[in-house]
Amino acid sequence: MLTQETNSSKQALLPTYPQHIIEALTPRQLRATLAGQQYYSHFHGTSATQEQLGTAIERRKQQWQRNHASLEWQLHFTRGWNSALLAEQKAATQEQPAVVLC
């Protein structure tokens, strides 16, 4: 009998996510965190400005209110979003070449 791996089992949380919390995450919390990371990556890949990113998360919050999403889901989604944001900031600072002043 063949078993299929889900996408969430193939994906890992970013190193910017608080590592001591990962072990305590329930499967639902892990899915929410991964969803937050993916949502941020989707918008960041479009060269969105910080204002557009803020608008995107505000729209998501309104959608949660309409759908009566649990606070737990919102919290872990936002943590995933923040870890993706931090990962992008670290990459951006590492990619910038050093400026030589003469």
C-alpha atoms as a PDB file:
ATOM      1  CA  MET A   1       0.000   0.000   0.000  1.00  0.00           C
ATOM      2  CA  LEU A   2       1.389   3.391  -1.002  1.00  0.00           C
ATOM      3  CA  THR A   3       1.250   6.388   1.265  1.00  0.00           C
ATOM      4  CA  GLN A   4       1.311   9.976   0.149  1.00  0.00           C
ATOM      5  CA  GLU A   5       3.206  12.666   1.959  1.00  0.00           C
ATOM      6  CA  THR A   6       1.353  15.899   2.518  1.00  0.00           C
ATOM      7  CA  ASN A   7       2.846  19.222   1.518  1.00  0.00           C
ATOM      8  CA  SER A   8       3.078  20.299   5.155  1.00  0.00           C
ATOM      9  CA  SER A   9       5.336  17.345   6.008  1.00  0.00           C
ATOM     10  CA  LYS A  10       7.758  18.371   3.239  1.00  0.00           C
ATOM     11  CA  GLN A  11       7.900  21.994   4.321  1.00  0.00           C
ATOM     12  CA  ALA A  12       9.859  23.179   7.295  1.00  0.00           C
ATOM     13  CA  LEU A  13       9.497  26.212   9.454  1.00  0.00           C
ATOM     14  CA  LEU A  14      12.000  28.937   8.763  1.00  0.00           C
ATOM     15  CA  PRO A  15      15.014  29.243  11.069  1.00  0.00           C
ATOM     16  CA  THR A  16      13.659  32.624  12.187  1.00  0.00           C
ATOM     17  CA  TYR A  17      10.674  30.894  13.835  1.00  0.00           C
ATOM     18  CA  PRO A  18      11.246  30.449  17.613  1.00  0.00           C
ATOM     19  CA  GLN A  19      12.837  26.991  17.589  1.00  0.00           C
ATOM     20  CA  HIS A  20      11.906  26.146  21.191  1.00  0.00           C
ATOM     21  CA  ILE A  21       8.202  26.418  20.284  1.00  0.00           C
ATOM     22  CA  ILE A  22       8.253  24.039  17.296  1.00  0.00           C
ATOM     23  CA  GLU A  23       8.157  20.844  19.365  1.00  0.00           C
ATOM     24  CA  ALA A  24       5.004  21.982  21.185  1.00  0.00           C
ATOM     25  CA  LEU A  25       2.998  22.850  18.049  1.00  0.00           C
ATOM     26  CA  THR A  26      -0.100  20.831  17.297  1.00  0.00           C
ATOM     27  CA  PRO A  27      -0.668  19.815  13.650  1.00  0.00           C
ATOM     28  CA  ARG A  28      -3.234  22.610  13.299  1.00  0.00           C
ATOM     29  CA  GLN A  29      -0.825  25.199  14.714  1.00  0.00           C
ATOM     30  CA  LEU A  30       1.901  23.970  12.374  1.00  0.00           C
ATOM     31  CA  ARG A  31      -0.443  24.256   9.365  1.00  0.00           C
ATOM     32  CA  ALA A  32      -1.376  27.797  10.394  1.00  0.00           C
ATOM     33  CA  THR A  33       2.264  28.783  10.785  1.00  0.00           C
ATOM     34  CA  LEU A  34       3.202  27.310   7.407  1.00  0.00           C
ATOM     35  CA  ALA A  35       0.216  29.063   5.832  1.00  0.00           C
ATOM     36  CA  GLY A  36       1.453  32.375   7.219  1.00  0.00           C
ATOM     37  CA  GLN A  37       4.919  31.780   5.788  1.00  0.00           C
ATOM     38  CA  GLN A  38       3.488  30.863   2.382  1.00  0.00           C
ATOM     39  CA  TYR A  39       1.123  33.845   2.356  1.00  0.00           C
ATOM     40  CA  TYR A  40       3.992  36.231   3.087  1.00  0.00           C
ATOM     41  CA  SER A  41       6.222  34.573   0.475  1.00  0.00           C
ATOM     42  CA  HIS A  42       3.472  34.888  -2.130  1.00  0.00           C
ATOM     43  CA  PHE A  43       3.115  38.628  -1.573  1.00  0.00           C
ATOM     44  CA  HIS A  44       6.813  39.274  -1.100  1.00  0.00           C
ATOM     45  CA  GLY A  45       7.574  37.538  -4.390  1.00  0.00           C
ATOM     46  CA  THR A  46       5.457  40.148  -6.174  1.00  0.00           C
ATOM     47  CA  SER A  47       7.748  42.989  -5.017  1.00  0.00           C
ATOM     48  CA  ALA A  48       4.974  44.384  -2.857  1.00  0.00           C
ATOM     49  CA  THR A  49       5.724  47.441  -0.760  1.00  0.00           C
ATOM     50  CA  GLN A  50       5.513  47.292   3.021  1.00  0.00           C
ATOM     51  CA  GLU A  51       2.213  49.166   2.821  1.00  0.00           C
ATOM     52  CA  GLN A  52       0.805  46.562   0.420  1.00  0.00           C
ATOM     53  CA  LEU A  53       1.971  43.765   2.723  1.00  0.00           C
ATOM     54  CA  GLY A  54       0.225  45.467   5.632  1.00  0.00           C
ATOM     55  CA  THR A  55      -2.945  45.803   3.575  1.00  0.00           C
ATOM     56  CA  ALA A  56      -2.785  42.105   2.667  1.00  0.00           C
ATOM     57  CA  ILE A  57      -2.597  41.023   6.307  1.00  0.00           C
ATOM     58  CA  GLU A  58      -5.421  43.435   7.220  1.00  0.00           C
ATOM     59  CA  ARG A  59      -7.595  41.861   4.512  1.00  0.00           C
ATOM     60  CA  ARG A  60      -6.751  38.450   5.922  1.00  0.00           C
ATOM     61  CA  LYS A  61      -7.791  39.606   9.413  1.00  0.00           C
ATOM     62  CA  GLN A  62     -11.152  40.797   8.077  1.00  0.00           C
ATOM     63  CA  GLN A  63     -11.622  37.458   6.341  1.00  0.00           C
ATOM     64  CA  TRP A  64     -10.903  35.673   9.626  1.00  0.00           C
ATOM     65  CA  GLN A  65     -13.555  37.756  11.386  1.00  0.00           C
ATOM     66  CA  ARG A  66     -16.154  36.924   8.723  1.00  0.00           C
ATOM     67  CA  ASN A  67     -15.250  33.224   8.889  1.00  0.00           C
ATOM     68  CA  HIS A  68     -15.024  33.178  12.713  1.00  0.00           C
ATOM     69  CA  ALA A  69     -11.465  31.820  12.628  1.00  0.00           C
ATOM     70  CA  SER A  70     -10.094  30.902  16.026  1.00  0.00           C
ATOM     71  CA  LEU A  71      -7.644  33.181  17.773  1.00  0.00           C
ATOM     72  CA  GLU A  72      -5.237  30.242  17.897  1.00  0.00           C
ATOM     73  CA  TRP A  73      -5.216  30.022  14.089  1.00  0.00           C
ATOM     74  CA  GLN A  74      -4.724  33.789  13.753  1.00  0.00           C
ATOM     75  CA  LEU A  75      -1.858  33.775  16.246  1.00  0.00           C
ATOM     76  CA  HIS A  76       0.073  30.987  14.556  1.00  0.00           C
ATOM     77  CA  PHE A  77      -0.595  32.340  11.060  1.00  0.00           C
ATOM     78  CA  THR A  78       0.805  35.693  12.172  1.00  0.00           C
ATOM     79  CA  ARG A  79       3.842  34.000  13.742  1.00  0.00           C
ATOM     80  CA  GLY A  80       4.524  32.282  10.424  1.00  0.00           C
ATOM     81  CA  TRP A  81       4.134  35.598   8.608  1.00  0.00           C
ATOM     82  CA  ASN A  82       6.573  37.258  11.004  1.00  0.00           C
ATOM     83  CA  SER A  83       9.177  34.496  10.692  1.00  0.00           C
ATOM     84  CA  ALA A  84       9.002  34.826   6.893  1.00  0.00           C
ATOM     85  CA  LEU A  85       9.358  38.592   7.191  1.00  0.00           C
ATOM     86  CA  LEU A  86      12.410  38.217   9.424  1.00  0.00           C
ATOM     87  CA  ALA A  87      13.942  35.671   7.050  1.00  0.00           C
ATOM     88  CA  GLU A  88      13.547  38.083   4.125  1.00  0.00           C
ATOM     89  CA  GLN A  89      15.096  40.943   6.094  1.00  0.00           C
ATOM     90  CA  LYS A  90      18.132  38.820   6.990  1.00  0.00           C
ATOM     91  CA  ALA A  91      18.548  37.759   3.364  1.00  0.00           C
ATOM     92  CA  ALA A  92      18.278  41.364   2.197  1.00  0.00           C
ATOM     93  CA  THR A  93      20.987  42.560   4.583  1.00  0.00           C
ATOM     94  CA  GLN A  94      23.295  39.700   3.604  1.00  0.00           C
ATOM     95  CA  GLU A  95      22.857  40.297  -0.139  1.00  0.00           C
ATOM     96  CA  GLN A  96      23.743  43.987  -0.071  1.00  0.00           C
ATOM     97  CA  PRO A  97      27.309  44.579  -1.234  1.00  0.00           C
ATOM     98  CA  ALA A  98      29.639  46.519   0.981  1.00  0.00           C
ATOM     99  CA  VAL A  99      30.104  50.149  -0.006  1.00  0.00           C
ATOM    100  CA  VAL A 100      33.691  51.320  -0.208  1.00  0.00           C
ATOM    101  CA  LEU A 101      34.167  54.991   0.557  1.00  0.00           C
ATOM    102  CA  CYS A 102      37.320  56.599  -0.813  1.00  0.00           C
END
